[in-house]
Amino acid sequence: MKTRLDMDKIAEGLGAERRGKVKAGNGYFGAMQLLADVEARFRVPAGGGRPTDPRWSERRLLPLAPKTLKRLEQLSAKARERGVNVGPMQLAAVLLERTAEQLSEEGAEKLLAAKRRASR
């Protein structure tokens, strides 16, 4: 098991001040941030098996287009090449959580308004 870094202690040792999280966007740095997020959150269950986020308690079915599932499979295969054991649907769950956290109330309203206009 990897030891967790104490970022406050590191910042203090460097004479720095922590001011919050830095969010990476798309591209290489976004992908690396996603992998770091998976590595930091996932733990192997006590009974063994694939690592998962211990905070996940809800299980739901999520319908996907074949194209989306194929892309998630490609991304999880790339993550495994880098030593991060993550399945396609686990990756989907992390992406869904990150997007839901980043979407403001105003952004959600705009998204719903656009959907309502398109369905008319």
PDB file of N, CA and C in Angstrom:
ATOM      1  N   MET A   1       0.837  -1.175   0.000  1.00  0.00           N
ATOM      2  CA  MET A   1       0.000   0.000   0.000  1.00  0.00           C
ATOM      3  C   MET A   1       0.887   1.245   0.000  1.00  0.00           C
ATOM      4  N   LYS A   2       0.532   2.224  -0.830  1.00  0.00           N
ATOM      5  CA  LYS A   2       1.315   3.448  -0.928  1.00  0.00           C
ATOM      6  C   LYS A   2       1.053   4.341   0.279  1.00  0.00           C
ATOM      7  N   THR A   3       2.094   5.048   0.717  1.00  0.00           N
ATOM      8  CA  THR A   3       1.908   6.005   1.798  1.00  0.00           C
ATOM      9  C   THR A   3       1.320   7.279   1.212  1.00  0.00           C
ATOM     10  N   ARG A   4       0.427   7.883   1.967  1.00  0.00           N
ATOM     11  CA  ARG A   4      -0.208   9.115   1.510  1.00  0.00           C
ATOM     12  C   ARG A   4       0.691  10.301   1.836  1.00  0.00           C
ATOM     13  N   LEU A   5       0.794  11.230   0.922  1.00  0.00           N
ATOM     14  CA  LEU A   5       1.612  12.417   1.135  1.00  0.00           C
ATOM     15  C   LEU A   5       0.844  13.449   1.941  1.00  0.00           C
ATOM     16  N   ASP A   6       1.503  14.061   2.901  1.00  0.00           N
ATOM     17  CA  ASP A   6       0.902  15.141   3.682  1.00  0.00           C
ATOM     18  C   ASP A   6       1.269  16.449   2.989  1.00  0.00           C
ATOM     19  N   MET A   7       0.356  16.946   2.166  1.00  0.00           N
ATOM     20  CA  MET A   7       0.638  18.133   1.364  1.00  0.00           C
ATOM     21  C   MET A   7       0.843  19.379   2.220  1.00  0.00           C
ATOM     22  N   ASP A   8       0.163  19.459   3.362  1.00  0.00           N
ATOM     23  CA  ASP A   8       0.359  20.604   4.257  1.00  0.00           C
ATOM     24  C   ASP A   8       1.783  20.620   4.803  1.00  0.00           C
ATOM     25  N   LYS A   9       2.281  19.457   5.155  1.00  0.00           N
ATOM     26  CA  LYS A   9       3.638  19.349   5.688  1.00  0.00           C
ATOM     27  C   LYS A   9       4.668  19.679   4.603  1.00  0.00           C
ATOM     28  N   ILE A  10       4.422  19.223   3.387  1.00  0.00           N
ATOM     29  CA  ILE A  10       5.331  19.515   2.268  1.00  0.00           C
ATOM     30  C   ILE A  10       5.355  21.017   2.001  1.00  0.00           C
ATOM     31  N   ALA A  11       4.164  21.635   1.962  1.00  0.00           N
ATOM     32  CA  ALA A  11       4.087  23.076   1.715  1.00  0.00           C
ATOM     33  C   ALA A  11       4.828  23.852   2.802  1.00  0.00           C
ATOM     34  N   GLU A  12       4.624  23.432   4.045  1.00  0.00           N
ATOM     35  CA  GLU A  12       5.309  24.113   5.161  1.00  0.00           C
ATOM     36  C   GLU A  12       6.823  23.987   5.026  1.00  0.00           C
ATOM     37  N   GLY A  13       7.294  22.801   4.679  1.00  0.00           N
ATOM     38  CA  GLY A  13       8.725  22.574   4.514  1.00  0.00           C
ATOM     39  C   GLY A  13       9.326  23.396   3.388  1.00  0.00           C
ATOM     40  N   LEU A  14       8.535  23.697   2.386  1.00  0.00           N
ATOM     41  CA  LEU A  14       8.999  24.506   1.258  1.00  0.00           C
ATOM     42  C   LEU A  14       8.782  25.998   1.473  1.00  0.00           C
ATOM     43  N   GLY A  15       8.155  26.333   2.594  1.00  0.00           N
ATOM     44  CA  GLY A  15       7.860  27.735   2.863  1.00  0.00           C
ATOM     45  C   GLY A  15       6.725  28.249   1.988  1.00  0.00           C
ATOM     46  N   ALA A  16       5.845  27.360   1.575  1.00  0.00           N
ATOM     47  CA  ALA A  16       4.738  27.733   0.693  1.00  0.00           C
ATOM     48  C   ALA A  16       3.427  27.755   1.458  1.00  0.00           C
ATOM     49  N   GLU A  17       2.397  28.163   0.770  1.00  0.00           N
ATOM     50  CA  GLU A  17       1.064  28.200   1.363  1.00  0.00           C
ATOM     51  C   GLU A  17       0.098  27.500   0.406  1.00  0.00           C
ATOM     52  N   ARG A  18      -0.681  26.572   0.956  1.00  0.00           N
ATOM     53  CA  ARG A  18      -1.676  25.878   0.127  1.00  0.00           C
ATOM     54  C   ARG A  18      -2.883  26.772  -0.062  1.00  0.00           C
ATOM     55  N   ARG A  19      -3.353  26.826  -1.305  1.00  0.00           N
ATOM     56  CA  ARG A  19      -4.490  27.700  -1.602  1.00  0.00           C
ATOM     57  C   ARG A  19      -5.644  26.959  -2.236  1.00  0.00           C
ATOM     58  N   GLY A  20      -5.603  25.656  -2.301  1.00  0.00           N
ATOM     59  CA  GLY A  20      -6.693  24.892  -2.882  1.00  0.00           C
ATOM     60  C   GLY A  20      -6.215  23.967  -3.968  1.00  0.00           C
ATOM     61  N   LYS A  21      -7.172  23.292  -4.587  1.00  0.00           N
ATOM     62  CA  LYS A  21      -6.837  22.331  -5.630  1.00  0.00           C
ATOM     63  C   LYS A  21      -6.674  23.026  -6.972  1.00  0.00           C
ATOM     64  N   VAL A  22      -5.799  22.480  -7.775  1.00  0.00           N
ATOM     65  CA  VAL A  22      -5.640  22.923  -9.146  1.00  0.00           C
ATOM     66  C   VAL A  22      -6.347  21.903 -10.018  1.00  0.00           C
ATOM     67  N   LYS A  23      -7.236  22.379 -10.873  1.00  0.00           N
ATOM     68  CA  LYS A  23      -7.982  21.486 -11.756  1.00  0.00           C
ATOM     69  C   LYS A  23      -7.324  21.471 -13.123  1.00  0.00           C
ATOM     70  N   ALA A  24      -7.064  20.284 -13.625  1.00  0.00           N
ATOM     71  CA  ALA A  24      -6.532  20.141 -14.976  1.00  0.00           C
ATOM     72  C   ALA A  24      -7.700  19.978 -15.935  1.00  0.00           C
ATOM     73  N   GLY A  25      -7.527  20.464 -17.130  1.00  0.00           N
ATOM     74  CA  GLY A  25      -8.573  20.359 -18.139  1.00  0.00           C
ATOM     75  C   GLY A  25      -8.410  19.104 -18.968  1.00  0.00           C
ATOM     76  N   ASN A  26      -8.678  19.221 -20.235  1.00  0.00           N
ATOM     77  CA  ASN A  26      -8.542  18.091 -21.153  1.00  0.00           C
ATOM     78  C   ASN A  26      -7.081  17.868 -21.523  1.00  0.00           C
ATOM     79  N   GLY A  27      -6.840  16.862 -22.307  1.00  0.00           N
ATOM     80  CA  GLY A  27      -5.501  16.599 -22.803  1.00  0.00           C
ATOM     81  C   GLY A  27      -4.670  15.767 -21.847  1.00  0.00           C
ATOM     82  N   TYR A  28      -3.375  15.811 -22.075  1.00  0.00           N
ATOM     83  CA  TYR A  28      -2.440  14.984 -21.319  1.00  0.00           C
ATOM     84  C   TYR A  28      -2.532  15.245 -19.817  1.00  0.00           C
ATOM     85  N   PHE A  29      -2.518  16.525 -19.419  1.00  0.00           N
ATOM     86  CA  PHE A  29      -2.515  16.847 -17.996  1.00  0.00           C
ATOM     87  C   PHE A  29      -3.839  16.473 -17.344  1.00  0.00           C
ATOM     88  N   GLY A  30      -4.930  16.602 -18.076  1.00  0.00           N
ATOM     89  CA  GLY A  30      -6.222  16.167 -17.556  1.00  0.00           C
ATOM     90  C   GLY A  30      -6.248  14.665 -17.332  1.00  0.00           C
ATOM     91  N   ALA A  31      -5.671  13.921 -18.288  1.00  0.00           N
ATOM     92  CA  ALA A  31      -5.617  12.463 -18.153  1.00  0.00           C
ATOM     93  C   ALA A  31      -4.739  12.054 -16.976  1.00  0.00           C
ATOM     94  N   MET A  32      -3.622  12.733 -16.799  1.00  0.00           N
ATOM     95  CA  MET A  32      -2.736  12.416 -15.678  1.00  0.00           C
ATOM     96  C   MET A  32      -3.402  12.761 -14.345  1.00  0.00           C
ATOM     97  N   GLN A  33      -4.176  13.849 -14.318  1.00  0.00           N
ATOM     98  CA  GLN A  33      -4.903  14.210 -13.104  1.00  0.00           C
ATOM     99  C   GLN A  33      -5.963  13.158 -12.787  1.00  0.00           C
ATOM    100  N   LEU A  34      -6.625  12.647 -13.820  1.00  0.00           N
ATOM    101  CA  LEU A  34      -7.625  11.598 -13.629  1.00  0.00           C
ATOM    102  C   LEU A  34      -6.980  10.338 -13.057  1.00  0.00           C
ATOM    103  N   LEU A  35      -5.830   9.947 -13.595  1.00  0.00           N
ATOM    104  CA  LEU A  35      -5.120   8.772 -13.070  1.00  0.00           C
ATOM    105  C   LEU A  35      -4.698   8.986 -11.621  1.00  0.00           C
ATOM    106  N   ALA A  36      -4.220  10.180 -11.308  1.00  0.00           N
ATOM    107  CA  ALA A  36      -3.817  10.475  -9.930  1.00  0.00           C
ATOM    108  C   ALA A  36      -5.021  10.408  -8.994  1.00  0.00           C
ATOM    109  N   ASP A  37      -6.175  10.870  -9.472  1.00  0.00           N
ATOM    110  CA  ASP A  37      -7.399  10.818  -8.683  1.00  0.00           C
ATOM    111  C   ASP A  37      -7.793   9.371  -8.403  1.00  0.00           C
ATOM    112  N   VAL A  38      -7.721   8.531  -9.423  1.00  0.00           N
ATOM    113  CA  VAL A  38      -8.055   7.103  -9.260  1.00  0.00           C
ATOM    114  C   VAL A  38      -7.093   6.450  -8.268  1.00  0.00           C
ATOM    115  N   GLU A  39      -5.795   6.711  -8.429  1.00  0.00           N
ATOM    116  CA  GLU A  39      -4.806   6.115  -7.520  1.00  0.00           C
ATOM    117  C   GLU A  39      -5.021   6.554  -6.078  1.00  0.00           C
ATOM    118  N   ALA A  40      -5.379   7.806  -5.886  1.00  0.00           N
ATOM    119  CA  ALA A  40      -5.558   8.328  -4.531  1.00  0.00           C
ATOM    120  C   ALA A  40      -6.828   7.788  -3.869  1.00  0.00           C
ATOM    121  N   ARG A  41      -7.859   7.535  -4.652  1.00  0.00           N
ATOM    122  CA  ARG A  41      -9.150   7.147  -4.082  1.00  0.00           C
ATOM    123  C   ARG A  41      -9.348   5.659  -3.933  1.00  0.00           C
ATOM    124  N   PHE A  42      -8.796   4.862  -4.825  1.00  0.00           N
ATOM    125  CA  PHE A  42      -9.106   3.436  -4.854  1.00  0.00           C
ATOM    126  C   PHE A  42      -8.284   2.662  -3.839  1.00  0.00           C
ATOM    127  N   ARG A  43      -8.942   1.745  -3.166  1.00  0.00           N
ATOM    128  CA  ARG A  43      -8.312   0.854  -2.185  1.00  0.00           C
ATOM    129  C   ARG A  43      -8.774  -0.571  -2.468  1.00  0.00           C
ATOM    130  N   VAL A  44      -7.911  -1.549  -2.178  1.00  0.00           N
ATOM    131  CA  VAL A  44      -8.284  -2.955  -2.334  1.00  0.00           C
ATOM    132  C   VAL A  44      -9.210  -3.323  -1.178  1.00  0.00           C
ATOM    133  N   PRO A  45     -10.382  -3.910  -1.464  1.00  0.00           N
ATOM    134  CA  PRO A  45     -11.296  -4.311  -0.386  1.00  0.00           C
ATOM    135  C   PRO A  45     -10.647  -5.332   0.554  1.00  0.00           C
ATOM    136  N   ALA A  46     -11.122  -5.387   1.787  1.00  0.00           N
ATOM    137  CA  ALA A  46     -10.557  -6.287   2.797  1.00  0.00           C
ATOM    138  C   ALA A  46     -10.581  -7.738   2.339  1.00  0.00           C
ATOM    139  N   GLY A  47     -11.609  -8.127   1.603  1.00  0.00           N
ATOM    140  CA  GLY A  47     -11.723  -9.508   1.130  1.00  0.00           C
ATOM    141  C   GLY A  47     -10.962  -9.769  -0.151  1.00  0.00           C
ATOM    142  N   GLY A  48     -10.258  -8.757  -0.656  1.00  0.00           N
ATOM    143  CA  GLY A  48      -9.524  -8.895  -1.910  1.00  0.00           C
ATOM    144  C   GLY A  48     -10.363  -8.440  -3.094  1.00  0.00           C
ATOM    145  N   GLY A  49      -9.809  -8.536  -4.264  1.00  0.00           N
ATOM    146  CA  GLY A  49     -10.517  -8.145  -5.475  1.00  0.00           C
ATOM    147  C   GLY A  49      -9.961  -6.881  -6.078  1.00  0.00           C
ATOM    148  N   ARG A  50     -10.715  -6.319  -7.020  1.00  0.00           N
ATOM    149  CA  ARG A  50     -10.298  -5.116  -7.724  1.00  0.00           C
ATOM    150  C   ARG A  50     -10.396  -3.909  -6.793  1.00  0.00           C
ATOM    151  N   PRO A  51      -9.397  -3.035  -6.827  1.00  0.00           N
ATOM    152  CA  PRO A  51      -9.475  -1.828  -6.010  1.00  0.00           C
ATOM    153  C   PRO A  51     -10.699  -0.995  -6.377  1.00  0.00           C
ATOM    154  N   THR A  52     -11.277  -0.326  -5.378  1.00  0.00           N
ATOM    155  CA  THR A  52     -12.453   0.505  -5.595  1.00  0.00           C
ATOM    156  C   THR A  52     -12.452   1.646  -4.586  1.00  0.00           C
ATOM    157  N   ASP A  53     -13.316   2.602  -4.796  1.00  0.00           N
ATOM    158  CA  ASP A  53     -13.466   3.721  -3.866  1.00  0.00           C
ATOM    159  C   ASP A  53     -14.338   3.240  -2.702  1.00  0.00           C
ATOM    160  N   PRO A  54     -13.826   3.224  -1.482  1.00  0.00           N
ATOM    161  CA  PRO A  54     -14.602   2.710  -0.351  1.00  0.00           C
ATOM    162  C   PRO A  54     -15.847   3.537  -0.042  1.00  0.00           C
ATOM    163  N   ARG A  55     -15.933   4.779  -0.540  1.00  0.00           N
ATOM    164  CA  ARG A  55     -17.115   5.614  -0.289  1.00  0.00           C
ATOM    165  C   ARG A  55     -18.292   5.234  -1.176  1.00  0.00           C
ATOM    166  N   TRP A  56     -18.049   4.474  -2.229  1.00  0.00           N
ATOM    167  CA  TRP A  56     -19.137   4.084  -3.117  1.00  0.00           C
ATOM    168  C   TRP A  56     -19.993   3.030  -2.440  1.00  0.00           C
ATOM    169  N   SER A  57     -21.235   3.358  -2.237  1.00  0.00           N
ATOM    170  CA  SER A  57     -22.152   2.400  -1.615  1.00  0.00           C
ATOM    171  C   SER A  57     -23.351   2.109  -2.515  1.00  0.00           C
ATOM    172  N   GLU A  58     -23.580   2.955  -3.500  1.00  0.00           N
ATOM    173  CA  GLU A  58     -24.717   2.778  -4.405  1.00  0.00           C
ATOM    174  C   GLU A  58     -24.285   2.019  -5.655  1.00  0.00           C
ATOM    175  N   ARG A  59     -25.138   1.104  -6.098  1.00  0.00           N
ATOM    176  CA  ARG A  59     -24.893   0.340  -7.328  1.00  0.00           C
ATOM    177  C   ARG A  59     -26.067   0.604  -8.260  1.00  0.00           C
ATOM    178  N   ARG A  60     -25.779   1.091  -9.438  1.00  0.00           N
ATOM    179  CA  ARG A  60     -26.815   1.381 -10.423  1.00  0.00           C
ATOM    180  C   ARG A  60     -26.366   0.884 -11.783  1.00  0.00           C
ATOM    181  N   LEU A  61     -27.349   0.612 -12.619  1.00  0.00           N
ATOM    182  CA  LEU A  61     -27.059   0.268 -14.003  1.00  0.00           C
ATOM    183  C   LEU A  61     -26.987   1.558 -14.806  1.00  0.00           C
ATOM    184  N   LEU A  62     -26.021   1.630 -15.703  1.00  0.00           N
ATOM    185  CA  LEU A  62     -25.835   2.823 -16.505  1.00  0.00           C
ATOM    186  C   LEU A  62     -25.832   2.439 -17.980  1.00  0.00           C
ATOM    187  N   PRO A  63     -26.878   2.816 -18.709  1.00  0.00           N
ATOM    188  CA  PRO A  63     -26.884   2.478 -20.133  1.00  0.00           C
ATOM    189  C   PRO A  63     -25.865   3.325 -20.891  1.00  0.00           C
ATOM    190  N   LEU A  64     -25.159   2.689 -21.797  1.00  0.00           N
ATOM    191  CA  LEU A  64     -24.130   3.368 -22.592  1.00  0.00           C
ATOM    192  C   LEU A  64     -24.260   2.991 -24.056  1.00  0.00           C
ATOM    193  N   ALA A  65     -23.839   3.896 -24.902  1.00  0.00           N
ATOM    194  CA  ALA A  65     -23.728   3.572 -26.322  1.00  0.00           C
ATOM    195  C   ALA A  65     -22.479   2.705 -26.495  1.00  0.00           C
ATOM    196  N   PRO A  66     -22.478   1.790 -27.446  1.00  0.00           N
ATOM    197  CA  PRO A  66     -21.299   0.946 -27.674  1.00  0.00           C
ATOM    198  C   PRO A  66     -20.021   1.770 -27.900  1.00  0.00           C
ATOM    199  N   LYS A  67     -20.150   2.902 -28.582  1.00  0.00           N
ATOM    200  CA  LYS A  67     -18.999   3.777 -28.846  1.00  0.00           C
ATOM    201  C   LYS A  67     -18.409   4.309 -27.532  1.00  0.00           C
ATOM    202  N   THR A  68     -19.280   4.682 -26.595  1.00  0.00           N
ATOM    203  CA  THR A  68     -18.826   5.203 -25.297  1.00  0.00           C
ATOM    204  C   THR A  68     -18.126   4.116 -24.496  1.00  0.00           C
ATOM    205  N   LEU A  69     -18.706   2.925 -24.462  1.00  0.00           N
ATOM    206  CA  LEU A  69     -18.094   1.822 -23.729  1.00  0.00           C
ATOM    207  C   LEU A  69     -16.731   1.479 -24.322  1.00  0.00           C
ATOM    208  N   LYS A  70     -16.633   1.485 -25.634  1.00  0.00           N
ATOM    209  CA  LYS A  70     -15.353   1.185 -26.292  1.00  0.00           C
ATOM    210  C   LYS A  70     -14.291   2.218 -25.890  1.00  0.00           C
ATOM    211  N   ARG A  71     -14.689   3.493 -25.834  1.00  0.00           N
ATOM    212  CA  ARG A  71     -13.748   4.545 -25.433  1.00  0.00           C
ATOM    213  C   ARG A  71     -13.315   4.365 -23.983  1.00  0.00           C
ATOM    214  N   LEU A  72     -14.259   4.040 -23.104  1.00  0.00           N
ATOM    215  CA  LEU A  72     -13.920   3.792 -21.705  1.00  0.00           C
ATOM    216  C   LEU A  72     -12.980   2.593 -21.571  1.00  0.00           C
ATOM    217  N   GLU A  73     -13.199   1.567 -22.369  1.00  0.00           N
ATOM    218  CA  GLU A  73     -12.306   0.394 -22.365  1.00  0.00           C
ATOM    219  C   GLU A  73     -10.908   0.785 -22.816  1.00  0.00           C
ATOM    220  N   GLN A  74     -10.807   1.644 -23.835  1.00  0.00           N
ATOM    221  CA  GLN A  74      -9.496   2.108 -24.306  1.00  0.00           C
ATOM    222  C   GLN A  74      -8.781   2.905 -23.222  1.00  0.00           C
ATOM    223  N   LEU A  75      -9.513   3.800 -22.576  1.00  0.00           N
ATOM    224  CA  LEU A  75      -8.914   4.623 -21.521  1.00  0.00           C
ATOM    225  C   LEU A  75      -8.463   3.783 -20.333  1.00  0.00           C
ATOM    226  N   SER A  76      -9.278   2.807 -19.938  1.00  0.00           N
ATOM    227  CA  SER A  76      -8.889   1.969 -18.797  1.00  0.00           C
ATOM    228  C   SER A  76      -7.700   1.081 -19.166  1.00  0.00           C
ATOM    229  N   ALA A  77      -7.608   0.656 -20.437  1.00  0.00           N
ATOM    230  CA  ALA A  77      -6.443  -0.130 -20.877  1.00  0.00           C
ATOM    231  C   ALA A  77      -5.177   0.716 -20.792  1.00  0.00           C
ATOM    232  N   LYS A  78      -5.268   1.985 -21.182  1.00  0.00           N
ATOM    233  CA  LYS A  78      -4.106   2.887 -21.079  1.00  0.00           C
ATOM    234  C   LYS A  78      -3.714   3.096 -19.616  1.00  0.00           C
ATOM    235  N   ALA A  79      -4.715   3.199 -18.745  1.00  0.00           N
ATOM    236  CA  ALA A  79      -4.436   3.365 -17.313  1.00  0.00           C
ATOM    237  C   ALA A  79      -3.722   2.129 -16.771  1.00  0.00           C
ATOM    238  N   ARG A  80      -4.165   0.948 -17.190  1.00  0.00           N
ATOM    239  CA  ARG A  80      -3.513  -0.292 -16.733  1.00  0.00           C
ATOM    240  C   ARG A  80      -2.073  -0.362 -17.224  1.00  0.00           C
ATOM    241  N   GLU A  81      -1.787   0.157 -18.423  1.00  0.00           N
ATOM    242  CA  GLU A  81      -0.408   0.194 -18.928  1.00  0.00           C
ATOM    243  C   GLU A  81       0.477   1.035 -18.011  1.00  0.00           C
ATOM    244  N   ARG A  82      -0.116   2.005 -17.351  1.00  0.00           N
ATOM    245  CA  ARG A  82       0.619   2.882 -16.430  1.00  0.00           C
ATOM    246  C   ARG A  82       0.590   2.363 -15.003  1.00  0.00           C
ATOM    247  N   GLY A  83       0.035   1.154 -14.809  1.00  0.00           N
ATOM    248  CA  GLY A  83       0.051   0.537 -13.488  1.00  0.00           C
ATOM    249  C   GLY A  83      -1.154   0.861 -12.622  1.00  0.00           C
ATOM    250  N   VAL A  84      -2.189   1.478 -13.191  1.00  0.00           N
ATOM    251  CA  VAL A  84      -3.390   1.823 -12.430  1.00  0.00           C
ATOM    252  C   VAL A  84      -4.482   0.826 -12.814  1.00  0.00           C
ATOM    253  N   ASN A  85      -4.872  -0.023 -11.869  1.00  0.00           N
ATOM    254  CA  ASN A  85      -5.856  -1.066 -12.127  1.00  0.00           C
ATOM    255  C   ASN A  85      -7.260  -0.495 -11.986  1.00  0.00           C
ATOM    256  N   VAL A  86      -7.867  -0.123 -13.109  1.00  0.00           N
ATOM    257  CA  VAL A  86      -9.204   0.465 -13.103  1.00  0.00           C
ATOM    258  C   VAL A  86     -10.004  -0.119 -14.260  1.00  0.00           C
ATOM    259  N   GLY A  87     -11.247  -0.466 -13.989  1.00  0.00           N
ATOM    260  CA  GLY A  87     -12.135  -0.988 -15.019  1.00  0.00           C
ATOM    261  C   GLY A  87     -12.848   0.142 -15.739  1.00  0.00           C
ATOM    262  N   PRO A  88     -13.411  -0.145 -16.911  1.00  0.00           N
ATOM    263  CA  PRO A  88     -14.083   0.903 -17.684  1.00  0.00           C
ATOM    264  C   PRO A  88     -15.236   1.577 -16.939  1.00  0.00           C
ATOM    265  N   MET A  89     -16.035   0.815 -16.211  1.00  0.00           N
ATOM    266  CA  MET A  89     -17.162   1.417 -15.514  1.00  0.00           C
ATOM    267  C   MET A  89     -16.723   2.154 -14.244  1.00  0.00           C
ATOM    268  N   GLN A  90     -15.608   1.740 -13.647  1.00  0.00           N
ATOM    269  CA  GLN A  90     -15.058   2.492 -12.521  1.00  0.00           C
ATOM    270  C   GLN A  90     -14.574   3.856 -13.011  1.00  0.00           C
ATOM    271  N   LEU A  91     -13.941   3.849 -14.177  1.00  0.00           N
ATOM    272  CA  LEU A  91     -13.486   5.093 -14.774  1.00  0.00           C
ATOM    273  C   LEU A  91     -14.681   5.991 -15.090  1.00  0.00           C
ATOM    274  N   ALA A  92     -15.756   5.397 -15.608  1.00  0.00           N
ATOM    275  CA  ALA A  92     -16.975   6.155 -15.897  1.00  0.00           C
ATOM    276  C   ALA A  92     -17.519   6.793 -14.621  1.00  0.00           C
ATOM    277  N   ALA A  93     -17.496   6.061 -13.514  1.00  0.00           N
ATOM    278  CA  ALA A  93     -18.005   6.587 -12.247  1.00  0.00           C
ATOM    279  C   ALA A  93     -17.178   7.779 -11.773  1.00  0.00           C
ATOM    280  N   VAL A  94     -15.851   7.686 -11.889  1.00  0.00           N
ATOM    281  CA  VAL A  94     -14.987   8.794 -11.472  1.00  0.00           C
ATOM    282  C   VAL A  94     -15.236  10.014 -12.361  1.00  0.00           C
ATOM    283  N   LEU A  95     -15.336   9.792 -13.672  1.00  0.00           N
ATOM    284  CA  LEU A  95     -15.604  10.902 -14.587  1.00  0.00           C
ATOM    285  C   LEU A  95     -16.958  11.553 -14.296  1.00  0.00           C
ATOM    286  N   LEU A  96     -17.957  10.747 -14.018  1.00  0.00           N
ATOM    287  CA  LEU A  96     -19.288  11.257 -13.699  1.00  0.00           C
ATOM    288  C   LEU A  96     -19.260  12.085 -12.419  1.00  0.00           C
ATOM    289  N   GLU A  97     -18.580  11.600 -11.394  1.00  0.00           N
ATOM    290  CA  GLU A  97     -18.477  12.347 -10.136  1.00  0.00           C
ATOM    291  C   GLU A  97     -17.757  13.667 -10.325  1.00  0.00           C
ATOM    292  N   ARG A  98     -16.646  13.637 -11.060  1.00  0.00           N
ATOM    293  CA  ARG A  98     -15.882  14.869 -11.278  1.00  0.00           C
ATOM    294  C   ARG A  98     -16.704  15.894 -12.050  1.00  0.00           C
ATOM    295  N   THR A  99     -17.429  15.445 -13.065  1.00  0.00           N
ATOM    296  CA  THR A  99     -18.243  16.358 -13.859  1.00  0.00           C
ATOM    297  C   THR A  99     -19.380  16.932 -13.026  1.00  0.00           C
ATOM    298  N   ALA A 100     -20.032  16.097 -12.222  1.00  0.00           N
ATOM    299  CA  ALA A 100     -21.126  16.569 -11.371  1.00  0.00           C
ATOM    300  C   ALA A 100     -20.629  17.595 -10.356  1.00  0.00           C
ATOM    301  N   GLU A 101     -19.426  17.414  -9.820  1.00  0.00           N
ATOM    302  CA  GLU A 101     -18.858  18.352  -8.857  1.00  0.00           C
ATOM    303  C   GLU A 101     -18.523  19.683  -9.515  1.00  0.00           C
ATOM    304  N   GLN A 102     -18.058  19.641 -10.765  1.00  0.00           N
ATOM    305  CA  GLN A 102     -17.611  20.850 -11.449  1.00  0.00           C
ATOM    306  C   GLN A 102     -18.762  21.643 -12.061  1.00  0.00           C
ATOM    307  N   LEU A 103     -19.898  21.002 -12.284  1.00  0.00           N
ATOM    308  CA  LEU A 103     -21.029  21.657 -12.920  1.00  0.00           C
ATOM    309  C   LEU A 103     -21.754  22.545 -11.907  1.00  0.00           C
ATOM    310  N   SER A 104     -21.758  23.828 -12.161  1.00  0.00           N
ATOM    311  CA  SER A 104     -22.426  24.762 -11.258  1.00  0.00           C
ATOM    312  C   SER A 104     -23.938  24.673 -11.453  1.00  0.00           C
ATOM    313  N   GLU A 105     -24.675  25.279 -10.538  1.00  0.00           N
ATOM    314  CA  GLU A 105     -26.136  25.313 -10.666  1.00  0.00           C
ATOM    315  C   GLU A 105     -26.534  26.029 -11.951  1.00  0.00           C
ATOM    316  N   GLU A 106     -25.821  27.103 -12.252  1.00  0.00           N
ATOM    317  CA  GLU A 106     -26.107  27.862 -13.479  1.00  0.00           C
ATOM    318  C   GLU A 106     -25.820  27.013 -14.718  1.00  0.00           C
ATOM    319  N   GLY A 107     -24.730  26.292 -14.685  1.00  0.00           N
ATOM    320  CA  GLY A 107     -24.391  25.415 -15.806  1.00  0.00           C
ATOM    321  C   GLY A 107     -25.407  24.305 -15.982  1.00  0.00           C
ATOM    322  N   ALA A 108     -25.892  23.763 -14.871  1.00  0.00           N
ATOM    323  CA  ALA A 108     -26.909  22.709 -14.945  1.00  0.00           C
ATOM    324  C   ALA A 108     -28.201  23.258 -15.529  1.00  0.00           C
ATOM    325  N   GLU A 109     -28.589  24.477 -15.124  1.00  0.00           N
ATOM    326  CA  GLU A 109     -29.796  25.102 -15.666  1.00  0.00           C
ATOM    327  C   GLU A 109     -29.665  25.330 -17.173  1.00  0.00           C
ATOM    328  N   LYS A 110     -28.508  25.783 -17.619  1.00  0.00           N
ATOM    329  CA  LYS A 110     -28.281  26.000 -19.050  1.00  0.00           C
ATOM    330  C   LYS A 110     -28.362  24.681 -19.811  1.00  0.00           C
ATOM    331  N   LEU A 111     -27.787  23.645 -19.250  1.00  0.00           N
ATOM    332  CA  LEU A 111     -27.815  22.326 -19.883  1.00  0.00           C
ATOM    333  C   LEU A 111     -29.256  21.827 -20.010  1.00  0.00           C
ATOM    334  N   LEU A 112     -30.046  21.970 -18.952  1.00  0.00           N
ATOM    335  CA  LEU A 112     -31.440  21.533 -18.980  1.00  0.00           C
ATOM    336  C   LEU A 112     -32.277  22.387 -19.927  1.00  0.00           C
ATOM    337  N   ALA A 113     -32.008  23.692 -19.968  1.00  0.00           N
ATOM    338  CA  ALA A 113     -32.744  24.580 -20.869  1.00  0.00           C
ATOM    339  C   ALA A 113     -32.459  24.213 -22.321  1.00  0.00           C
ATOM    340  N   ALA A 114     -31.215  23.918 -22.629  1.00  0.00           N
ATOM    341  CA  ALA A 114     -30.853  23.522 -23.992  1.00  0.00           C
ATOM    342  C   ALA A 114     -31.533  22.212 -24.363  1.00  0.00           C
ATOM    343  N   LYS A 115     -31.623  21.287 -23.414  1.00  0.00           N
ATOM    344  CA  LYS A 115     -32.277  19.991 -23.657  1.00  0.00           C
ATOM    345  C   LYS A 115     -33.772  20.195 -23.910  1.00  0.00           C
ATOM    346  N   ARG A 116     -34.398  21.096 -23.127  1.00  0.00           N
ATOM    347  CA  ARG A 116     -35.837  21.375 -23.310  1.00  0.00           C
ATOM    348  C   ARG A 116     -36.093  22.000 -24.675  1.00  0.00           C
ATOM    349  N   ARG A 117     -35.231  22.927 -25.108  1.00  0.00           N
ATOM    350  CA  ARG A 117     -35.399  23.560 -26.420  1.00  0.00           C
ATOM    351  C   ARG A 117     -35.249  22.537 -27.544  1.00  0.00           C
ATOM    352  N   ALA A 118     -34.306  21.621 -27.393  1.00  0.00           N
ATOM    353  CA  ALA A 118     -34.047  20.620 -28.439  1.00  0.00           C
ATOM    354  C   ALA A 118     -35.183  19.618 -28.550  1.00  0.00           C
ATOM    355  N   SER A 119     -35.913  19.372 -27.462  1.00  0.00           N
ATOM    356  CA  SER A 119     -36.971  18.358 -27.499  1.00  0.00           C
ATOM    357  C   SER A 119     -38.306  18.913 -27.984  1.00  0.00           C
ATOM    358  N   ARG A 120     -38.386  20.201 -28.189  1.00  0.00           N
ATOM    359  CA  ARG A 120     -39.648  20.827 -28.663  1.00  0.00           C
ATOM    360  C   ARG A 120     -39.848  20.645 -30.127  1.00  0.00           C
TER     361      ARG A 120
END
